[in-house]
């Protein structure tokens, strides 16, 4: 019989350092984003700053959708040019 080894559970949360590694950014950048309330949602658990992995994934998707290079609907080249307003002498 073959027994497949599986982890008992996968972590649902990451601390600041692990979340930064997961996102491919420096811990300092993530710390600054948290301080400015710009980055992914975080919370304190037992005095430690933690990030839910599902929230990190959702935040990345939102960043992609807000970027005109990833979202064709936001690409300014896909929109008709605006007409110039008539200048008054």
C-alpha atoms as a PDB file:
ATOM      1  CA  UNK A   1       0.000   0.000   0.000  1.00  0.00           C
ATOM      2  CA  UNK A   2       1.193   3.503  -0.812  1.00  0.00           C
ATOM      3  CA  UNK A   3       0.631   6.179   1.752  1.00  0.00           C
ATOM      4  CA  UNK A   4       0.730   9.702   0.511  1.00  0.00           C
ATOM      5  CA  UNK A   5       2.376  12.109   2.911  1.00  0.00           C
ATOM      6  CA  UNK A   6       0.411  15.330   3.187  1.00  0.00           C
ATOM      7  CA  UNK A   7       0.900  18.212   5.575  1.00  0.00           C
ATOM      8  CA  UNK A   8      -1.521  18.200   8.499  1.00  0.00           C
ATOM      9  CA  UNK A   9      -2.586  21.690   7.513  1.00  0.00           C
ATOM     10  CA  UNK A  10      -1.312  24.525   5.437  1.00  0.00           C
ATOM     11  CA  UNK A  11      -0.790  27.878   7.064  1.00  0.00           C
ATOM     12  CA  UNK A  12      -3.664  30.282   6.523  1.00  0.00           C
ATOM     13  CA  UNK A  13      -1.680  33.248   7.871  1.00  0.00           C
ATOM     14  CA  UNK A  14       1.784  34.673   7.321  1.00  0.00           C
ATOM     15  CA  UNK A  15       3.768  37.058   9.504  1.00  0.00           C
ATOM     16  CA  UNK A  16       5.144  40.258   7.976  1.00  0.00           C
ATOM     17  CA  UNK A  17       8.456  38.740   6.854  1.00  0.00           C
ATOM     18  CA  UNK A  18       6.829  35.674   5.272  1.00  0.00           C
ATOM     19  CA  UNK A  19       4.102  37.809   3.639  1.00  0.00           C
ATOM     20  CA  UNK A  20       6.760  40.062   2.126  1.00  0.00           C
ATOM     21  CA  UNK A  21       8.600  37.004   0.804  1.00  0.00           C
ATOM     22  CA  UNK A  22       5.305  35.630  -0.582  1.00  0.00           C
ATOM     23  CA  UNK A  23       4.708  38.926  -2.431  1.00  0.00           C
ATOM     24  CA  UNK A  24       8.324  39.199  -3.578  1.00  0.00           C
ATOM     25  CA  UNK A  25       8.943  42.521  -1.840  1.00  0.00           C
ATOM     26  CA  UNK A  26      11.090  43.610   1.079  1.00  0.00           C
ATOM     27  CA  UNK A  27       9.696  43.432   4.620  1.00  0.00           C
ATOM     28  CA  UNK A  28      10.435  47.161   4.928  1.00  0.00           C
ATOM     29  CA  UNK A  29       8.213  47.945   1.928  1.00  0.00           C
ATOM     30  CA  UNK A  30       5.373  45.919   3.427  1.00  0.00           C
ATOM     31  CA  UNK A  31       5.897  47.643   6.782  1.00  0.00           C
ATOM     32  CA  UNK A  32       5.717  51.088   5.127  1.00  0.00           C
ATOM     33  CA  UNK A  33       2.593  50.112   3.171  1.00  0.00           C
ATOM     34  CA  UNK A  34       0.965  48.919   6.408  1.00  0.00           C
ATOM     35  CA  UNK A  35       1.877  52.164   8.167  1.00  0.00           C
ATOM     36  CA  UNK A  36       0.412  54.199   5.264  1.00  0.00           C
ATOM     37  CA  UNK A  37      -2.603  51.850   5.000  1.00  0.00           C
ATOM     38  CA  UNK A  38      -1.774  51.216   1.331  1.00  0.00           C
ATOM     39  CA  UNK A  39      -0.960  47.548   1.128  1.00  0.00           C
ATOM     40  CA  UNK A  40      -2.819  44.316   1.660  1.00  0.00           C
ATOM     41  CA  UNK A  41      -5.074  43.988   4.713  1.00  0.00           C
ATOM     42  CA  UNK A  42      -3.358  42.888   7.908  1.00  0.00           C
ATOM     43  CA  UNK A  43      -4.235  42.413  11.547  1.00  0.00           C
ATOM     44  CA  UNK A  44      -2.614  41.712  14.884  1.00  0.00           C
ATOM     45  CA  UNK A  45      -2.730  38.213  16.310  1.00  0.00           C
ATOM     46  CA  UNK A  46      -1.142  37.867  19.699  1.00  0.00           C
ATOM     47  CA  UNK A  47       0.770  41.105  19.196  1.00  0.00           C
ATOM     48  CA  UNK A  48       2.214  40.028  15.818  1.00  0.00           C
ATOM     49  CA  UNK A  49       1.253  41.547  12.480  1.00  0.00           C
ATOM     50  CA  UNK A  50      -0.304  38.835  10.338  1.00  0.00           C
ATOM     51  CA  UNK A  51      -1.630  38.536   6.794  1.00  0.00           C
ATOM     52  CA  UNK A  52      -4.257  36.070   5.617  1.00  0.00           C
ATOM     53  CA  UNK A  53      -2.935  34.316   2.480  1.00  0.00           C
ATOM     54  CA  UNK A  54      -6.335  34.538   0.787  1.00  0.00           C
ATOM     55  CA  UNK A  55      -6.357  38.315   1.418  1.00  0.00           C
ATOM     56  CA  UNK A  56      -2.874  38.641  -0.109  1.00  0.00           C
ATOM     57  CA  UNK A  57      -4.057  36.796  -3.222  1.00  0.00           C
ATOM     58  CA  UNK A  58      -7.191  38.959  -3.494  1.00  0.00           C
ATOM     59  CA  UNK A  59      -5.105  42.122  -3.056  1.00  0.00           C
ATOM     60  CA  UNK A  60      -2.723  41.073  -5.855  1.00  0.00           C
ATOM     61  CA  UNK A  61      -5.676  40.395  -8.174  1.00  0.00           C
ATOM     62  CA  UNK A  62      -7.123  43.831  -7.356  1.00  0.00           C
ATOM     63  CA  UNK A  63      -3.750  45.427  -8.162  1.00  0.00           C
ATOM     64  CA  UNK A  64      -3.658  43.647 -11.527  1.00  0.00           C
ATOM     65  CA  UNK A  65      -7.200  44.730 -12.384  1.00  0.00           C
ATOM     66  CA  UNK A  66      -6.432  48.353 -11.493  1.00  0.00           C
ATOM     67  CA  UNK A  67      -3.413  48.436 -13.835  1.00  0.00           C
ATOM     68  CA  UNK A  68      -4.115  49.531 -17.423  1.00  0.00           C
ATOM     69  CA  UNK A  69      -1.404  47.201 -18.717  1.00  0.00           C
ATOM     70  CA  UNK A  70      -3.274  44.185 -17.295  1.00  0.00           C
ATOM     71  CA  UNK A  71      -6.829  45.431 -17.790  1.00  0.00           C
ATOM     72  CA  UNK A  72      -7.691  46.305 -21.382  1.00  0.00           C
ATOM     73  CA  UNK A  73     -10.760  48.269 -20.253  1.00  0.00           C
ATOM     74  CA  UNK A  74      -8.448  50.785 -18.543  1.00  0.00           C
ATOM     75  CA  UNK A  75      -5.982  51.097 -21.431  1.00  0.00           C
ATOM     76  CA  UNK A  76      -6.113  54.722 -22.616  1.00  0.00           C
ATOM     77  CA  UNK A  77      -5.166  53.590 -26.137  1.00  0.00           C
ATOM     78  CA  UNK A  78      -8.497  51.742 -26.396  1.00  0.00           C
ATOM     79  CA  UNK A  79     -10.507  54.945 -25.910  1.00  0.00           C
ATOM     80  CA  UNK A  80     -11.439  57.570 -28.448  1.00  0.00           C
ATOM     81  CA  UNK A  81      -9.386  60.778 -28.189  1.00  0.00           C
ATOM     82  CA  UNK A  82     -11.085  63.735 -26.556  1.00  0.00           C
ATOM     83  CA  UNK A  83     -11.815  66.789 -28.654  1.00  0.00           C
ATOM     84  CA  UNK A  84     -10.029  69.970 -27.710  1.00  0.00           C
ATOM     85  CA  UNK A  85     -12.115  72.750 -26.285  1.00  0.00           C
ATOM     86  CA  UNK A  86     -12.388  75.808 -28.486  1.00  0.00           C
ATOM     87  CA  UNK A  87      -9.978  78.503 -27.389  1.00  0.00           C
ATOM     88  CA  UNK A  88     -11.337  81.972 -26.793  1.00  0.00           C
ATOM     89  CA  UNK A  89      -9.257  84.951 -27.930  1.00  0.00           C
END
